Amino acid sequence: MTIKPIGAPEGAARAQGSTAVERALPFNAVSRGSRSGELTPAQKFESFVMQSFVEPMLPKADSSYFGEGTAGSIWRSMLAEHIGAEMAAAGGIGIAKMVEERNASILAHSTEALAKDAAVATGAAHSKPGTL
């Protein structure tokens, strides 16, 4: 499996644990087998929504599964977060697509409005003084 340190350039990928020293050094890495390493903002939003759907489905009564107390609830939350991220990266339920389409629509309308305003301002600047 090839991993790449987060924020490193593309050429920085290396085989996991090529040497004993590299295996011993901890660093943040994104597995190339995981699709949640690079999510768009819309996918991150969908990931958060999916996390809120998944977390209540995880076992609560079986404390031996996640552990007890604060540590158990943190592990449970982390699992829900990663499941939500993987689901969003795999296409999710369409929330990211809807958000991206809406953002594109808003951008297109604002671009049209700015173009019209610029045309009006340009026309006003070229008109003769005293005329409308």
N, C-alpha and C. Protein backbone atom coordinates (compact mmCIF):
# COMPACT_ATOMS: atom_id res chain seq x y z
N MET A 1 0.85 -1.17 0.00
CA MET A 1 0.00 0.00 0.00
C MET A 1 0.89 1.23 0.00
N THR A 2 0.53 2.24 -0.74
CA THR A 2 1.28 3.49 -0.82
C THR A 2 0.56 4.55 -0.02
N ILE A 3 1.29 5.30 0.79
CA ILE A 3 0.70 6.38 1.58
C ILE A 3 1.46 7.65 1.31
N LYS A 4 0.80 8.77 1.57
CA LYS A 4 1.40 10.07 1.32
C LYS A 4 1.15 10.96 2.52
N PRO A 5 2.17 11.62 3.07
CA PRO A 5 1.94 12.54 4.17
C PRO A 5 0.97 13.64 3.76
N ILE A 6 0.07 14.01 4.66
CA ILE A 6 -0.91 15.05 4.36
C ILE A 6 -0.18 16.36 4.08
N GLY A 7 -0.57 17.01 2.99
CA GLY A 7 0.02 18.28 2.60
C GLY A 7 1.31 18.14 1.81
N ALA A 8 1.77 16.91 1.61
CA ALA A 8 3.01 16.71 0.85
C ALA A 8 2.72 16.74 -0.63
N PRO A 9 3.71 17.12 -1.46
CA PRO A 9 3.50 17.11 -2.91
C PRO A 9 3.24 15.70 -3.42
N GLU A 10 2.69 15.60 -4.63
CA GLU A 10 2.31 14.31 -5.20
C GLU A 10 3.45 13.31 -5.22
N GLY A 11 4.66 13.74 -5.48
CA GLY A 11 5.79 12.83 -5.57
C GLY A 11 6.25 12.29 -4.23
N ALA A 12 5.61 12.70 -3.13
CA ALA A 12 6.05 12.31 -1.80
C ALA A 12 5.50 10.96 -1.36
N ALA A 13 4.73 10.30 -2.18
CA ALA A 13 4.17 9.00 -1.81
C ALA A 13 5.29 7.98 -1.70
N ARG A 14 5.18 7.08 -0.71
CA ARG A 14 6.18 6.03 -0.55
C ARG A 14 5.48 4.78 -0.05
N ALA A 15 6.15 3.68 -0.19
CA ALA A 15 5.58 2.43 0.29
C ALA A 15 5.56 2.44 1.81
N GLN A 16 4.47 1.98 2.41
CA GLN A 16 4.33 1.98 3.85
C GLN A 16 5.32 1.01 4.46
N GLY A 17 6.11 1.51 5.41
CA GLY A 17 7.02 0.67 6.14
C GLY A 17 8.13 0.08 5.29
N SER A 18 8.72 0.87 4.39
CA SER A 18 9.80 0.35 3.56
C SER A 18 11.01 -0.02 4.41
N THR A 19 11.27 0.78 5.45
CA THR A 19 12.38 0.46 6.35
C THR A 19 11.86 0.45 7.77
N ALA A 20 12.65 -0.10 8.67
CA ALA A 20 12.25 -0.16 10.08
C ALA A 20 12.09 1.23 10.66
N VAL A 21 12.95 2.16 10.24
CA VAL A 21 12.85 3.54 10.75
C VAL A 21 11.55 4.18 10.28
N GLU A 22 11.21 4.03 9.00
CA GLU A 22 9.98 4.62 8.48
C GLU A 22 8.75 4.02 9.15
N ARG A 23 8.80 2.73 9.48
CA ARG A 23 7.66 2.10 10.16
C ARG A 23 7.51 2.64 11.56
N ALA A 24 8.63 3.04 12.19
CA ALA A 24 8.59 3.51 13.56
C ALA A 24 8.21 4.98 13.67
N LEU A 25 8.42 5.76 12.60
CA LEU A 25 8.13 7.19 12.66
C LEU A 25 6.65 7.47 12.45
N PRO A 26 5.99 8.10 13.41
CA PRO A 26 4.58 8.43 13.23
C PRO A 26 4.43 9.70 12.38
N PHE A 27 3.48 9.70 11.48
CA PHE A 27 3.14 10.90 10.74
C PHE A 27 1.71 10.74 10.23
N ASN A 28 1.08 11.86 9.96
CA ASN A 28 -0.28 11.81 9.43
C ASN A 28 -0.21 11.36 7.98
N ALA A 29 -0.99 10.37 7.65
CA ALA A 29 -0.97 9.85 6.29
C ALA A 29 -2.38 9.53 5.84
N VAL A 30 -2.58 9.62 4.56
CA VAL A 30 -3.86 9.26 3.96
C VAL A 30 -3.62 8.01 3.15
N SER A 31 -4.33 6.97 3.45
CA SER A 31 -4.17 5.73 2.70
C SER A 31 -4.71 5.94 1.30
N ARG A 32 -3.98 5.51 0.31
CA ARG A 32 -4.44 5.64 -1.07
C ARG A 32 -5.61 4.71 -1.34
N GLY A 33 -5.87 3.74 -0.46
CA GLY A 33 -7.03 2.87 -0.63
C GLY A 33 -8.30 3.55 -0.15
N SER A 34 -8.16 4.59 0.63
CA SER A 34 -9.30 5.32 1.17
C SER A 34 -9.65 6.47 0.24
N ARG A 35 -10.95 6.65 0.01
CA ARG A 35 -11.38 7.75 -0.86
C ARG A 35 -11.68 9.01 -0.08
N SER A 36 -11.66 8.95 1.25
CA SER A 36 -12.04 10.12 2.04
C SER A 36 -10.88 11.05 2.32
N GLY A 37 -9.69 10.77 1.78
CA GLY A 37 -8.53 11.62 2.03
C GLY A 37 -8.66 13.02 1.49
N GLU A 38 -9.33 13.19 0.37
CA GLU A 38 -9.45 14.50 -0.24
C GLU A 38 -10.91 14.74 -0.62
N LEU A 39 -11.66 15.35 0.28
CA LEU A 39 -13.07 15.63 0.03
C LEU A 39 -13.24 17.10 -0.32
N THR A 40 -14.19 17.37 -1.20
CA THR A 40 -14.54 18.76 -1.51
C THR A 40 -15.32 19.31 -0.32
N PRO A 41 -15.46 20.62 -0.22
CA PRO A 41 -16.25 21.18 0.89
C PRO A 41 -17.68 20.63 0.93
N ALA A 42 -18.30 20.43 -0.23
CA ALA A 42 -19.65 19.87 -0.25
C ALA A 42 -19.65 18.43 0.26
N GLN A 43 -18.62 17.67 -0.08
CA GLN A 43 -18.52 16.30 0.41
C GLN A 43 -18.23 16.28 1.91
N LYS A 44 -17.47 17.24 2.40
CA LYS A 44 -17.23 17.33 3.85
C LYS A 44 -18.53 17.61 4.58
N PHE A 45 -19.37 18.46 4.00
CA PHE A 45 -20.69 18.73 4.59
C PHE A 45 -21.52 17.46 4.60
N GLU A 46 -21.54 16.75 3.47
CA GLU A 46 -22.30 15.49 3.40
C GLU A 46 -21.73 14.47 4.39
N SER A 47 -20.42 14.45 4.54
CA SER A 47 -19.79 13.56 5.50
C SER A 47 -20.28 13.83 6.91
N PHE A 48 -20.39 15.11 7.27
CA PHE A 48 -20.89 15.48 8.59
C PHE A 48 -22.34 15.03 8.78
N VAL A 49 -23.16 15.22 7.74
CA VAL A 49 -24.56 14.79 7.82
C VAL A 49 -24.64 13.28 7.95
N MET A 50 -23.83 12.57 7.16
CA MET A 50 -23.82 11.10 7.23
C MET A 50 -23.35 10.63 8.61
N GLN A 51 -22.40 11.33 9.19
CA GLN A 51 -21.93 10.98 10.54
C GLN A 51 -23.08 11.07 11.54
N SER A 52 -23.89 12.11 11.41
CA SER A 52 -25.01 12.26 12.33
C SER A 52 -26.09 11.19 12.11
N PHE A 53 -26.14 10.62 10.90
CA PHE A 53 -27.06 9.51 10.64
C PHE A 53 -26.51 8.20 11.18
N VAL A 54 -25.21 8.00 11.05
CA VAL A 54 -24.58 6.72 11.39
C VAL A 54 -24.39 6.56 12.90
N GLU A 55 -23.99 7.61 13.58
CA GLU A 55 -23.63 7.49 15.00
C GLU A 55 -24.74 6.90 15.86
N PRO A 56 -26.01 7.29 15.69
CA PRO A 56 -27.06 6.66 16.52
C PRO A 56 -27.26 5.17 16.21
N MET A 57 -26.80 4.72 15.03
CA MET A 57 -26.96 3.31 14.67
C MET A 57 -25.91 2.41 15.31
N LEU A 58 -24.82 3.00 15.78
CA LEU A 58 -23.75 2.20 16.39
C LEU A 58 -24.18 1.72 17.77
N PRO A 59 -23.66 0.56 18.20
CA PRO A 59 -24.08 -0.01 19.48
C PRO A 59 -23.74 0.90 20.65
N LYS A 60 -24.68 1.03 21.58
CA LYS A 60 -24.47 1.83 22.78
C LYS A 60 -24.34 0.92 24.00
N ALA A 61 -25.18 -0.10 24.07
CA ALA A 61 -25.24 -0.95 25.25
C ALA A 61 -23.99 -1.82 25.41
N ASP A 62 -23.38 -2.23 24.33
CA ASP A 62 -22.23 -3.12 24.38
C ASP A 62 -20.96 -2.31 24.61
N SER A 63 -20.64 -2.03 25.87
CA SER A 63 -19.48 -1.19 26.17
C SER A 63 -18.17 -1.90 25.86
N SER A 64 -18.18 -3.23 25.75
CA SER A 64 -16.95 -3.95 25.45
C SER A 64 -16.50 -3.71 24.01
N TYR A 65 -17.41 -3.29 23.14
CA TYR A 65 -17.06 -3.07 21.74
C TYR A 65 -16.19 -1.83 21.57
N PHE A 66 -16.58 -0.72 22.19
CA PHE A 66 -15.83 0.53 22.05
C PHE A 66 -15.03 0.88 23.30
N GLY A 67 -15.32 0.26 24.40
CA GLY A 67 -14.71 0.60 25.67
C GLY A 67 -15.70 1.38 26.51
N GLU A 68 -15.31 1.65 27.73
CA GLU A 68 -16.23 2.33 28.64
C GLU A 68 -15.84 3.79 28.84
N GLY A 69 -16.80 4.57 29.26
CA GLY A 69 -16.55 5.96 29.62
C GLY A 69 -16.27 6.86 28.43
N THR A 70 -15.46 7.87 28.71
CA THR A 70 -15.14 8.87 27.71
C THR A 70 -14.41 8.27 26.51
N ALA A 71 -13.48 7.37 26.76
CA ALA A 71 -12.72 6.75 25.67
C ALA A 71 -13.65 6.00 24.72
N GLY A 72 -14.61 5.28 25.27
CA GLY A 72 -15.55 4.54 24.43
C GLY A 72 -16.39 5.46 23.56
N SER A 73 -16.85 6.57 24.13
CA SER A 73 -17.67 7.49 23.33
C SER A 73 -16.83 8.20 22.27
N ILE A 74 -15.56 8.44 22.56
CA ILE A 74 -14.68 9.07 21.55
C ILE A 74 -14.45 8.11 20.40
N TRP A 75 -14.15 6.83 20.71
CA TRP A 75 -13.94 5.83 19.65
C TRP A 75 -15.20 5.67 18.81
N ARG A 76 -16.35 5.66 19.45
CA ARG A 76 -17.63 5.52 18.74
C ARG A 76 -17.83 6.70 17.79
N SER A 77 -17.55 7.90 18.28
CA SER A 77 -17.69 9.10 17.46
C SER A 77 -16.71 9.10 16.29
N MET A 78 -15.47 8.66 16.55
CA MET A 78 -14.47 8.61 15.48
C MET A 78 -14.85 7.61 14.41
N LEU A 79 -15.40 6.47 14.82
CA LEU A 79 -15.83 5.47 13.85
C LEU A 79 -16.95 6.04 12.98
N ALA A 80 -17.92 6.71 13.61
CA ALA A 80 -19.02 7.31 12.85
C ALA A 80 -18.50 8.37 11.89
N GLU A 81 -17.52 9.14 12.32
CA GLU A 81 -16.93 10.18 11.46
C GLU A 81 -16.28 9.56 10.22
N HIS A 82 -15.53 8.51 10.42
CA HIS A 82 -14.84 7.88 9.29
C HIS A 82 -15.81 7.13 8.37
N ILE A 83 -16.82 6.52 8.94
CA ILE A 83 -17.83 5.86 8.10
C ILE A 83 -18.55 6.91 7.26
N GLY A 84 -18.91 8.03 7.87
CA GLY A 84 -19.56 9.11 7.14
C GLY A 84 -18.69 9.67 6.03
N ALA A 85 -17.39 9.82 6.30
CA ALA A 85 -16.47 10.34 5.28
C ALA A 85 -16.34 9.37 4.12
N GLU A 86 -16.23 8.08 4.40
CA GLU A 86 -16.13 7.09 3.32
C GLU A 86 -17.41 7.03 2.50
N MET A 87 -18.56 7.13 3.18
CA MET A 87 -19.84 7.12 2.45
C MET A 87 -19.95 8.34 1.54
N ALA A 88 -19.57 9.51 2.04
CA ALA A 88 -19.63 10.73 1.23
C ALA A 88 -18.68 10.64 0.05
N ALA A 89 -17.48 10.10 0.28
CA ALA A 89 -16.50 9.98 -0.80
C ALA A 89 -16.96 8.99 -1.87
N ALA A 90 -17.76 8.01 -1.46
CA ALA A 90 -18.24 7.00 -2.41
C ALA A 90 -19.50 7.46 -3.14
N GLY A 91 -19.95 8.66 -2.88
CA GLY A 91 -21.13 9.17 -3.58
C GLY A 91 -22.24 9.56 -2.65
N GLY A 92 -22.23 9.02 -1.45
CA GLY A 92 -23.21 9.39 -0.43
C GLY A 92 -24.64 9.23 -0.87
N ILE A 93 -25.47 10.14 -0.41
CA ILE A 93 -26.91 10.10 -0.74
C ILE A 93 -27.31 11.28 -1.63
N GLY A 94 -26.32 11.99 -2.16
CA GLY A 94 -26.61 13.06 -3.11
C GLY A 94 -26.61 14.47 -2.53
N ILE A 95 -26.31 14.61 -1.25
CA ILE A 95 -26.31 15.94 -0.64
C ILE A 95 -25.21 16.81 -1.26
N ALA A 96 -24.02 16.25 -1.40
CA ALA A 96 -22.90 17.03 -1.96
C ALA A 96 -23.22 17.47 -3.38
N LYS A 97 -23.82 16.60 -4.16
CA LYS A 97 -24.18 16.95 -5.54
C LYS A 97 -25.18 18.11 -5.57
N MET A 98 -26.19 18.03 -4.69
CA MET A 98 -27.18 19.12 -4.64
C MET A 98 -26.54 20.43 -4.21
N VAL A 99 -25.65 20.39 -3.22
CA VAL A 99 -24.98 21.60 -2.75
C VAL A 99 -24.11 22.19 -3.86
N GLU A 100 -23.36 21.34 -4.56
CA GLU A 100 -22.50 21.83 -5.65
C GLU A 100 -23.32 22.42 -6.79
N GLU A 101 -24.45 21.78 -7.13
CA GLU A 101 -25.31 22.32 -8.19
C GLU A 101 -25.90 23.66 -7.78
N ARG A 102 -26.31 23.77 -6.52
CA ARG A 102 -26.88 25.03 -6.03
C ARG A 102 -25.83 26.13 -6.04
N ASN A 103 -24.61 25.79 -5.60
CA ASN A 103 -23.53 26.78 -5.61
C ASN A 103 -23.20 27.23 -7.03
N ALA A 104 -23.20 26.30 -7.98
CA ALA A 104 -22.94 26.65 -9.38
C ALA A 104 -24.03 27.57 -9.91
N SER A 105 -25.27 27.30 -9.54
CA SER A 105 -26.39 28.14 -9.97
C SER A 105 -26.28 29.55 -9.41
N ILE A 106 -25.94 29.64 -8.14
CA ILE A 106 -25.78 30.95 -7.51
C ILE A 106 -24.63 31.71 -8.17
N LEU A 107 -23.54 31.03 -8.43
CA LEU A 107 -22.39 31.66 -9.08
C LEU A 107 -22.75 32.17 -10.48
N ALA A 108 -23.49 31.35 -11.23
CA ALA A 108 -23.88 31.75 -12.58
C ALA A 108 -24.78 32.99 -12.54
N HIS A 109 -25.75 33.02 -11.62
CA HIS A 109 -26.65 34.17 -11.53
C HIS A 109 -25.90 35.42 -11.07
N SER A 110 -24.99 35.27 -10.13
CA SER A 110 -24.25 36.45 -9.66
C SER A 110 -23.31 36.97 -10.75
N THR A 111 -22.74 36.08 -11.54
CA THR A 111 -21.87 36.49 -12.65
C THR A 111 -22.67 37.27 -13.69
N GLU A 112 -23.89 36.79 -14.00
CA GLU A 112 -24.76 37.51 -14.94
C GLU A 112 -25.11 38.89 -14.40
N ALA A 113 -25.44 38.96 -13.12
CA ALA A 113 -25.81 40.24 -12.52
C ALA A 113 -24.63 41.22 -12.54
N LEU A 114 -23.43 40.71 -12.26
CA LEU A 114 -22.25 41.58 -12.30
C LEU A 114 -21.98 42.07 -13.72
N ALA A 115 -22.18 41.20 -14.70
CA ALA A 115 -21.97 41.60 -16.10
C ALA A 115 -22.96 42.69 -16.50
N LYS A 116 -24.22 42.56 -16.09
CA LYS A 116 -25.23 43.58 -16.39
C LYS A 116 -24.89 44.89 -15.72
N ASP A 117 -24.47 44.83 -14.44
CA ASP A 117 -24.10 46.05 -13.72
C ASP A 117 -22.90 46.73 -14.38
N ALA A 118 -21.93 45.93 -14.84
CA ALA A 118 -20.76 46.50 -15.51
C ALA A 118 -21.15 47.16 -16.82
N ALA A 119 -22.10 46.54 -17.55
CA ALA A 119 -22.56 47.11 -18.82
C ALA A 119 -23.28 48.42 -18.58
N VAL A 120 -24.10 48.49 -17.53
CA VAL A 120 -24.82 49.73 -17.20
C VAL A 120 -23.82 50.80 -16.79
N ALA A 121 -22.84 50.44 -15.97
CA ALA A 121 -21.85 51.42 -15.52
C ALA A 121 -21.01 51.91 -16.68
N THR A 122 -20.65 51.03 -17.60
CA THR A 122 -19.86 51.43 -18.76
C THR A 122 -20.67 52.35 -19.66
N GLY A 123 -21.94 52.02 -19.86
CA GLY A 123 -22.81 52.85 -20.68
C GLY A 123 -23.02 54.22 -20.07
N ALA A 124 -23.15 54.29 -18.76
CA ALA A 124 -23.34 55.56 -18.08
C ALA A 124 -22.07 56.41 -18.15
N ALA A 125 -20.93 55.75 -18.12
CA ALA A 125 -19.67 56.50 -18.17
C ALA A 125 -19.43 57.10 -19.55
N HIS A 126 -19.97 56.47 -20.60
CA HIS A 126 -19.75 56.96 -21.97
C HIS A 126 -20.85 57.90 -22.45
N SER A 127 -21.89 58.11 -21.68
CA SER A 127 -22.96 59.00 -22.12
C SER A 127 -22.52 60.45 -21.97
N LYS A 128 -23.20 61.31 -22.72
CA LYS A 128 -22.86 62.73 -22.70
C LYS A 128 -23.41 63.36 -21.44
N PRO A 129 -22.69 64.32 -20.87
CA PRO A 129 -23.17 65.00 -19.66
C PRO A 129 -24.52 65.68 -19.93
N GLY A 130 -25.38 65.58 -18.96
CA GLY A 130 -26.68 66.22 -19.08
C GLY A 130 -27.73 65.36 -19.77
N THR A 131 -27.38 64.18 -20.21
CA THR A 131 -28.36 63.30 -20.85
C THR A 131 -28.54 62.07 -19.98
N LEU A 132 -29.66 61.44 -20.13
CA LEU A 132 -29.94 60.23 -19.35
C LEU A 132 -29.80 59.01 -20.19
